[in-house]
Protein backbone atom coordinates (compact mmCIF):
# COMPACT_ATOMS: atom_id res chain seq x y z
CA UNK A 1 -0.38 -0.09 -0.08
CA UNK A 2 1.02 3.39 -0.90
CA UNK A 3 1.95 5.66 1.67
CA UNK A 4 0.93 9.42 2.30
CA UNK A 5 3.99 11.81 2.96
CA UNK A 6 3.31 14.19 5.88
CA UNK A 7 3.73 17.79 5.08
CA UNK A 8 2.62 19.21 8.47
CA UNK A 9 5.71 21.84 8.67
CA UNK A 10 7.90 24.07 6.27
CA UNK A 11 10.37 21.89 6.73
CA UNK A 12 9.40 18.97 5.95
CA UNK A 13 8.01 20.33 2.88
CA UNK A 14 11.12 22.16 1.79
CA UNK A 15 12.96 18.39 2.52
CA UNK A 16 10.76 16.92 -0.54
CA UNK A 17 11.85 19.82 -2.81
CA UNK A 18 15.43 19.37 -1.95
CA UNK A 19 14.60 15.49 -2.58
CA UNK A 20 13.68 16.94 -6.14
CA UNK A 21 16.40 19.32 -6.99
CA UNK A 22 18.60 16.49 -8.73
CA UNK A 23 18.15 15.69 -12.39
CA UNK A 24 19.45 12.08 -11.27
CA UNK A 25 16.93 11.87 -9.09
CA UNK A 26 14.36 13.19 -11.30
CA UNK A 27 15.02 10.53 -13.59
CA UNK A 28 15.03 8.21 -11.24
CA UNK A 29 11.45 8.72 -10.47
CA UNK A 30 10.77 8.82 -14.28
CA UNK A 31 12.46 5.47 -14.82
CA UNK A 32 9.97 4.23 -11.75
CA UNK A 33 6.95 4.96 -13.27
CA UNK A 34 5.01 2.21 -14.17
CA UNK A 35 7.57 -0.48 -13.62
CA UNK A 36 9.79 -1.62 -10.38
CA UNK A 37 13.64 -1.93 -10.61
CA UNK A 38 16.26 -2.26 -8.26
CA UNK A 39 19.53 -0.71 -7.78
CA UNK A 40 21.80 -1.90 -10.15
CA UNK A 41 19.74 -1.72 -12.87
CA UNK A 42 19.20 1.74 -12.17
CA UNK A 43 22.73 2.44 -12.13
CA UNK A 44 23.00 0.88 -15.53
CA UNK A 45 20.39 2.67 -17.12
CA UNK A 46 21.92 6.14 -15.62
CA UNK A 47 25.47 5.38 -16.46
CA UNK A 48 26.00 6.22 -12.29
CA UNK A 49 27.91 4.19 -10.06
CA UNK A 50 25.95 1.98 -7.43
CA UNK A 51 27.06 3.61 -4.56
CA UNK A 52 25.75 7.19 -6.32
CA UNK A 53 22.41 5.64 -7.09
CA UNK A 54 22.39 4.50 -3.45
CA UNK A 55 22.56 7.83 -2.01
CA UNK A 56 19.97 9.03 -4.06
CA UNK A 57 17.69 6.79 -3.22
CA UNK A 58 18.20 7.02 0.35
CA UNK A 59 16.80 10.79 0.15
CA UNK A 60 13.90 9.67 -1.98
CA UNK A 61 12.98 6.61 0.69
CA UNK A 62 13.14 9.22 3.18
CA UNK A 63 10.73 11.66 1.66
CA UNK A 64 8.66 8.36 1.17
CA UNK A 65 9.19 9.47 -2.87
CA UNK A 66 9.94 5.12 -3.64
CA UNK A 67 9.37 2.61 -1.75
CA UNK A 68 11.65 -0.74 -1.29
CA UNK A 69 11.43 -4.38 -0.39
CA UNK A 70 13.47 -7.06 -0.81
CA UNK A 71 13.47 -9.59 -3.18
CA UNK A 72 16.40 -12.46 -3.48
CA UNK A 73 19.42 -10.02 -3.61
CA UNK A 74 18.34 -7.33 -4.47
CA UNK A 75 16.09 -4.10 -3.36
CA UNK A 76 13.84 -3.43 -5.64
CA UNK A 77 12.19 0.12 -6.12
CA UNK A 78 8.57 1.12 -6.88
CA UNK A 79 7.27 4.69 -7.25
CA UNK A 80 4.70 5.66 -4.30
CA UNK A 81 1.69 7.07 -6.67
CA UNK A 82 0.37 9.15 -3.34
CA UNK A 83 3.31 11.04 -2.51
CA UNK A 84 3.31 12.67 -6.23
CA UNK A 85 -0.56 13.27 -6.19
CA UNK A 86 0.39 15.89 -3.79
CA UNK A 87 -0.39 19.17 -5.44
CA UNK A 88 2.05 21.90 -4.47
CA UNK A 89 -0.70 23.97 -2.69
CA UNK A 90 -1.11 21.40 -0.42
CA UNK A 91 2.84 21.53 0.41
CA UNK A 92 1.91 25.33 1.74
CA UNK A 93 -0.85 24.07 4.15
CA UNK A 94 0.85 23.63 7.49
CA UNK A 95 -0.57 22.33 10.59
CA UNK A 96 1.57 23.77 13.48
CA UNK A 97 0.76 22.00 17.00
CA UNK A 98 -1.77 23.69 19.57
CA UNK A 99 0.30 24.82 21.71
CA UNK A 100 3.42 26.40 19.56
CA UNK A 101 3.33 27.52 16.09
CA UNK A 102 6.93 27.70 15.38
CA UNK A 103 9.53 25.63 17.44
CA UNK A 104 12.25 27.52 19.68
CA UNK A 105 14.81 26.51 16.50
CA UNK A 106 12.19 28.14 13.75
CA UNK A 107 12.02 31.01 16.07
CA UNK A 108 15.98 31.59 16.24
CA UNK A 109 16.20 31.11 12.32
CA UNK A 110 13.40 33.51 11.50
CA UNK A 111 15.30 36.20 13.81
CA UNK A 112 18.78 35.44 12.29
CA UNK A 113 18.38 35.24 8.72
CA UNK A 114 16.28 37.74 6.63
CA UNK A 115 15.92 36.77 2.77
CA UNK A 116 18.44 33.49 3.02
CA UNK A 117 21.59 35.87 4.56
CA UNK A 118 22.78 35.05 8.07
CA UNK A 119 22.27 38.96 9.14
CA UNK A 120 24.38 38.32 12.67
CA UNK A 121 26.26 35.04 13.99
CA UNK A 122 24.52 34.77 17.75
CA UNK A 123 26.67 34.71 20.46
CA UNK A 124 24.36 32.33 22.57
CA UNK A 125 26.04 28.97 22.00
CA UNK A 126 22.29 26.94 21.69
CA UNK A 127 20.94 29.59 18.83
CA UNK A 128 24.64 29.08 17.41
CA UNK A 129 23.92 25.39 17.00
CA UNK A 130 20.57 26.11 15.51
CA UNK A 131 22.34 28.39 12.69
CA UNK A 132 24.84 25.91 12.47
CA UNK A 133 22.42 23.47 11.73
CA UNK A 134 20.67 25.02 9.05
CA UNK A 135 23.95 25.98 7.31
CA UNK A 136 25.55 22.55 6.90
CA UNK A 137 22.17 21.69 4.81
CA UNK A 138 23.99 23.72 2.38
CA UNK A 139 26.43 20.84 1.70
CA UNK A 140 25.93 17.53 0.71
CA UNK A 141 26.57 14.15 2.33
CA UNK A 142 29.27 11.50 0.43
CA UNK A 143 30.81 14.66 -1.16
CA UNK A 144 33.90 16.45 -0.08
CA UNK A 145 34.90 20.07 -0.54
CA UNK A 146 38.15 21.86 -0.62
CA UNK A 147 38.45 24.92 1.56
CA UNK A 148 38.03 27.28 -1.12
CA UNK A 149 34.55 25.15 -1.86
CA UNK A 150 33.37 25.57 1.65
CA UNK A 151 34.02 29.41 1.77
CA UNK A 152 32.26 29.55 -1.20
CA UNK A 153 29.02 28.26 0.03
CA UNK A 154 29.07 30.21 3.33
CA UNK A 155 29.82 33.43 1.91
CA UNK A 156 26.21 33.59 0.50
CA UNK A 157 25.08 33.28 4.01
CA UNK A 158 27.43 35.72 5.75
CA UNK A 159 30.94 36.95 4.96
CA UNK A 160 32.85 35.61 7.91
CA UNK A 161 33.48 32.44 6.67
CA UNK A 162 36.22 31.66 8.71
CA UNK A 163 34.05 31.65 11.95
CA UNK A 164 31.45 29.89 10.33
CA UNK A 165 33.72 27.30 8.67
CA UNK A 166 35.76 27.01 11.77
CA UNK A 167 32.27 26.93 14.12
CA UNK A 168 31.02 24.19 11.77
CA UNK A 169 34.10 21.90 12.80
CA UNK A 170 34.18 22.92 16.48
CA UNK A 171 30.36 21.55 16.58
CA UNK A 172 31.10 18.36 14.62
CA UNK A 173 28.95 19.33 12.06
CA UNK A 174 31.55 19.29 9.20
CA UNK A 175 35.19 17.47 9.49
CA UNK A 176 38.16 18.32 8.15
CA UNK A 177 41.04 16.28 7.24
CA UNK A 178 44.14 17.46 5.12
CA UNK A 179 42.86 20.75 4.19
CA UNK A 180 39.54 18.41 2.97
CA UNK A 181 35.94 19.28 4.47
CA UNK A 182 32.72 16.69 4.76
CA UNK A 183 29.78 16.30 6.55
CA UNK A 184 30.44 13.23 9.08
CA UNK A 185 30.00 9.82 7.99
CA UNK A 186 30.88 11.00 4.44
CA UNK A 187 33.60 8.40 2.61
CA UNK A 188 36.78 10.82 2.02
CA UNK A 189 37.51 8.76 -0.99
CA UNK A 190 34.27 9.85 -2.41
CA UNK A 191 35.21 11.83 -5.76
CA UNK A 192 31.86 11.23 -7.59
CA UNK A 193 30.78 14.61 -9.37
CA UNK A 194 27.26 13.11 -10.09
CA UNK A 195 26.68 14.02 -6.37
CA UNK A 196 25.91 17.63 -5.50
């Protein structure tokens, strides 16, 4: 049975759009229309490595855009039709909880970000953590970054890239090894250009 995704908060809706924001993931959804396929088959059709397909599938599964089941040695994926029946206007109909319209994190992000830019870096540690968790979303898992690439991403939010970069490392939201940066859990050897 297909599962209807939950879009009760702005964050949940935004994560759906993020899952749809990569050409390879859109191609995977296209290839799953009307036909279930396993990961290796998708890798061959898209000329991608199985690891890259696995990365994309994890994002699609997380948003319940696809469903998976084990068949013999393979993980077989199919389209979740109910997820794709959702209209864009329905993604904007949020249902906050009765006792709290916005979480503490939402309030902090609203106060410190204007038009996608970080107005100022908070001095309170808890607020810093909320801001840094937001910033690290701009970096993909399973991809490494040079310091210059990290700076290019961060400068879009604030000019003080050194403070932001150092804070991401201190909070262990990013790791640095031999001047190469990545999110924790990323395999540093991964240099697959298909993951953006």
